[in-house]
Amino acid sequence: MIQLEVKDLVKRFGKKIILNGVNFSVSSGVFGIAGSNGSGKSTLLRCLSYLMTPTKGEINWKSGSTTLDKTLFKQYLGYAAPYLNLYAEFSAKENLAFHAKLKGIEQKDLSHTIEEFARLADVRFSLDQAYGSLSSGQQQRVKLLSAFALQPKIVFLDEPGTNLDEAGNAAVRNLIELARKEEVLVLLASNDAQELDLCDSVHSLN
């Protein structure tokens, strides 16, 4: 079981305080992070993923009794967010293969998994196309595919419905429900009520 405990987390940019004493713990299911634009949702996810260093406070990740350091944690993580882009000149398949290699996943184990998750992510276009040539909605589907298809133990979703139509939003629900069944810990940051309704519990930053 994955466990996360956040204690008195503070993030400042100069004199501006973005996160001011955030506290929560979570160990299962789908955990929502709510807040209006500018409330610090994305900043919090970046801190929790070690992409950004907090000004103060503690972030403790564990898998069972094992503490996850920064290097080990990244092997567990899938992440989809508007500010995280894939390589434009690579195809979707090449991007996935590259990330799989970084995580030590064998290419021969990847093809069937990609097909399964592509269906769940409502991918109706060729994954051999260059990522940069895809529409914004198609790119978002590839981001979701990348976050889930490598079978992580933890998934971060920042505004997962960005640029998606109704079918794409249904795909988000399908992926989250599968993650819940597979006991993957999902952290979902959003100000969309329908997305937050998918969560088992919600922490508000407002």
Protein backbone atom coordinates (compact mmCIF):
# COMPACT_ATOMS: atom_id res chain seq x y z
CA MET A 1 0.00 0.00 0.00
CA ILE A 2 1.23 3.48 -0.92
CA GLN A 3 1.11 6.06 1.85
CA LEU A 4 1.60 9.81 1.67
CA GLU A 5 1.88 12.19 4.62
CA VAL A 6 2.24 15.94 4.15
CA LYS A 7 3.15 18.08 7.15
CA ASP A 8 3.08 21.88 7.32
CA LEU A 9 4.02 22.31 3.66
CA VAL A 10 4.86 25.86 2.64
CA LYS A 11 5.88 27.18 -0.78
CA ARG A 12 6.87 30.78 -1.38
CA PHE A 13 7.95 32.53 -4.56
CA GLY A 14 9.78 35.59 -3.27
CA LYS A 15 7.39 37.24 -0.84
CA LYS A 16 4.32 35.55 -2.33
CA ILE A 17 3.03 32.56 -0.36
CA ILE A 18 1.43 29.95 -2.65
CA LEU A 19 1.03 27.11 -0.15
CA ASN A 20 0.70 27.98 3.52
CA GLY A 21 0.87 25.08 5.96
CA VAL A 22 -0.73 22.23 3.97
CA ASN A 23 -1.42 19.07 6.00
CA PHE A 24 -3.04 15.81 4.94
CA SER A 25 -2.42 12.09 4.68
CA VAL A 26 -3.74 9.54 2.20
CA SER A 27 -3.12 5.84 1.64
CA SER A 28 -5.63 4.57 -0.90
CA GLY A 29 -8.19 5.39 -3.56
CA VAL A 30 -8.64 8.65 -5.44
CA PHE A 31 -7.69 11.79 -3.54
CA GLY A 32 -8.84 15.17 -4.83
CA ILE A 33 -7.02 18.47 -4.47
CA ALA A 34 -9.52 21.27 -5.00
CA GLY A 35 -9.06 24.99 -5.34
CA SER A 36 -9.71 27.98 -7.55
CA ASN A 37 -7.23 29.10 -10.20
CA GLY A 38 -4.07 30.30 -8.49
CA SER A 39 -4.74 28.43 -5.25
CA GLY A 40 -1.61 26.30 -5.65
CA LYS A 41 -2.96 22.96 -6.92
CA SER A 42 -0.29 22.51 -9.58
CA THR A 43 2.42 23.81 -7.26
CA LEU A 44 1.39 21.22 -4.66
CA LEU A 45 1.57 18.37 -7.18
CA ARG A 46 4.99 19.57 -8.35
CA CYS A 47 6.23 19.59 -4.76
CA LEU A 48 4.76 16.15 -4.06
CA SER A 49 6.47 14.77 -7.19
CA TYR A 50 9.84 16.36 -6.34
CA LEU A 51 9.73 18.53 -9.45
CA MET A 52 9.79 21.53 -7.11
CA THR A 53 11.35 22.00 -3.69
CA PRO A 54 9.02 23.29 -0.96
CA THR A 55 10.13 26.21 1.18
CA LYS A 56 9.26 24.38 4.39
CA GLY A 57 7.52 21.23 5.57
CA GLU A 58 7.71 17.48 5.09
CA ILE A 59 6.66 15.09 2.32
CA ASN A 60 6.84 11.42 3.25
CA TRP A 61 6.11 8.67 0.72
CA LYS A 62 6.06 5.00 1.71
CA SER A 63 5.27 1.69 0.07
CA GLY A 64 4.40 -0.56 2.97
CA SER A 65 7.29 -0.14 5.38
CA THR A 66 9.69 1.11 2.67
CA THR A 67 10.36 4.84 2.48
CA LEU A 68 10.42 6.03 -1.14
CA ASP A 69 13.32 8.37 -1.84
CA LYS A 70 13.23 10.69 -4.87
CA THR A 71 14.77 8.16 -7.24
CA LEU A 72 12.60 5.23 -6.18
CA PHE A 73 9.45 7.36 -6.06
CA LYS A 74 9.79 8.33 -9.73
CA GLN A 75 9.69 4.64 -10.68
CA TYR A 76 6.25 4.45 -9.09
CA LEU A 77 4.77 7.57 -10.69
CA GLY A 78 2.58 8.31 -13.71
CA TYR A 79 1.83 12.00 -14.32
CA ALA A 80 -0.44 13.90 -16.71
CA ALA A 81 -0.58 17.70 -16.60
CA PRO A 82 -0.90 20.63 -19.02
CA TYR A 83 2.66 21.77 -18.22
CA LEU A 84 4.25 18.34 -18.83
CA ASN A 85 4.79 17.72 -22.52
CA LEU A 86 6.04 14.71 -24.42
CA TYR A 87 8.63 14.87 -27.20
CA ALA A 88 7.00 16.53 -30.21
CA GLU A 89 9.12 14.73 -32.80
CA PHE A 90 8.49 11.28 -31.30
CA SER A 91 5.36 9.28 -32.00
CA ALA A 92 3.10 8.39 -29.10
CA LYS A 93 4.52 4.85 -29.15
CA GLU A 94 8.10 6.15 -29.16
CA ASN A 95 7.35 8.46 -26.24
CA LEU A 96 5.89 5.55 -24.28
CA ALA A 97 8.82 3.29 -25.15
CA PHE A 98 11.26 5.98 -24.01
CA HIS A 99 9.53 6.40 -20.65
CA ALA A 100 9.27 2.63 -20.26
CA LYS A 101 13.02 2.33 -20.78
CA LEU A 102 13.63 4.91 -18.06
CA LYS A 103 11.50 2.82 -15.72
CA GLY A 104 13.21 -0.43 -16.69
CA ILE A 105 10.15 -1.91 -18.44
CA GLU A 106 10.89 -4.32 -21.28
CA GLN A 107 9.59 -3.31 -24.72
CA LYS A 108 8.14 -6.79 -25.26
CA ASP A 109 5.91 -6.29 -22.22
CA LEU A 110 4.60 -2.95 -23.48
CA SER A 111 2.66 -3.50 -26.72
CA HIS A 112 -0.39 -5.30 -25.31
CA THR A 113 -0.60 -2.88 -22.39
CA ILE A 114 -0.54 0.13 -24.74
CA GLU A 115 -3.39 -1.31 -26.81
CA GLU A 116 -5.50 -1.94 -23.71
CA PHE A 117 -4.99 1.53 -22.26
CA ALA A 118 -5.37 3.21 -25.66
CA ARG A 119 -8.88 1.78 -25.80
CA LEU A 120 -9.64 3.04 -22.29
CA ALA A 121 -8.23 6.48 -23.14
CA ASP A 122 -10.48 6.69 -26.23
CA VAL A 123 -7.51 6.86 -28.61
CA ARG A 124 -9.01 6.66 -32.10
CA PHE A 125 -5.96 7.79 -34.05
CA SER A 126 -2.68 6.17 -34.96
CA LEU A 127 -0.13 6.11 -32.17
CA ASP A 128 2.56 6.15 -34.88
CA GLN A 129 1.89 9.83 -35.60
CA ALA A 130 4.32 12.41 -34.25
CA TYR A 131 3.05 13.77 -30.95
CA GLY A 132 3.57 17.35 -32.15
CA SER A 133 1.26 16.80 -35.13
CA LEU A 134 -1.72 15.82 -32.97
CA SER A 135 -4.58 18.09 -31.93
CA SER A 136 -4.71 19.36 -28.34
CA GLY A 137 -7.39 16.81 -27.45
CA GLN A 138 -5.40 13.97 -29.00
CA GLN A 139 -2.28 15.09 -27.16
CA GLN A 140 -4.20 15.04 -23.88
CA ARG A 141 -5.30 11.46 -24.56
CA VAL A 142 -1.67 10.50 -25.17
CA LYS A 143 -0.66 12.18 -21.89
CA LEU A 144 -3.30 10.14 -20.06
CA LEU A 145 -2.15 7.01 -21.85
CA SER A 146 1.43 7.75 -20.83
CA ALA A 147 0.39 8.31 -17.20
CA PHE A 148 -1.49 5.02 -16.88
CA ALA A 149 -0.08 2.55 -19.42
CA LEU A 150 3.23 1.90 -17.67
CA GLN A 151 1.22 0.53 -14.73
CA PRO A 152 2.43 2.90 -12.01
CA LYS A 153 1.52 2.58 -8.34
CA ILE A 154 0.84 6.33 -8.10
CA VAL A 155 -0.82 8.60 -10.69
CA PHE A 156 -0.96 12.41 -10.59
CA LEU A 157 -3.66 14.04 -12.72
CA ASP A 158 -3.66 17.83 -12.99
CA GLU A 159 -6.85 19.07 -14.70
CA PRO A 160 -7.23 15.75 -16.59
CA GLY A 161 -10.18 16.97 -18.65
CA THR A 162 -8.17 19.73 -20.33
CA ASN A 163 -9.04 19.95 -24.06
CA LEU A 164 -11.23 16.83 -23.90
CA ASP A 165 -14.73 16.36 -25.29
CA GLU A 166 -17.48 14.31 -23.65
CA ALA A 167 -15.97 11.03 -24.86
CA GLY A 168 -12.58 12.09 -23.53
CA ASN A 169 -14.04 12.89 -20.12
CA ALA A 170 -15.66 9.45 -20.09
CA ALA A 171 -12.21 8.01 -20.82
CA VAL A 172 -10.84 9.82 -17.75
CA ARG A 173 -13.56 8.20 -15.65
CA ASN A 174 -12.75 4.76 -17.10
CA LEU A 175 -9.05 5.12 -16.37
CA ILE A 176 -9.68 6.30 -12.82
CA GLU A 177 -12.08 3.44 -12.11
CA LEU A 178 -9.53 0.93 -13.37
CA ALA A 179 -6.85 2.54 -11.20
CA ARG A 180 -9.16 2.25 -8.19
CA LYS A 181 -9.72 -1.46 -8.88
CA GLU A 182 -5.97 -2.00 -9.26
CA GLU A 183 -5.36 -0.16 -5.96
CA VAL A 184 -3.35 2.58 -7.65
CA LEU A 185 -3.23 5.77 -5.58
CA VAL A 186 -4.55 8.67 -7.69
CA LEU A 187 -4.10 12.34 -6.80
CA LEU A 188 -6.40 14.50 -8.91
CA ALA A 189 -6.09 18.30 -8.87
CA SER A 190 -9.04 20.19 -10.31
CA ASN A 191 -11.61 22.93 -9.85
CA ASP A 192 -14.16 20.99 -11.91
CA ALA A 193 -16.99 19.62 -9.76
CA GLN A 194 -17.55 16.60 -12.03
CA GLU A 195 -13.89 15.60 -11.77
CA LEU A 196 -13.86 16.07 -8.00
CA ASP A 197 -16.96 13.85 -7.77
CA LEU A 198 -14.72 10.99 -8.95
CA CYS A 199 -12.66 11.30 -5.76
CA ASP A 200 -13.09 9.36 -2.53
CA SER A 201 -11.99 12.37 -0.48
CA VAL A 202 -11.01 15.96 -1.27
CA HIS A 203 -8.60 18.44 0.30
CA SER A 204 -9.38 22.07 -0.49
CA LEU A 205 -6.65 24.70 -0.83
CA ASN A 206 -9.08 27.63 -0.66
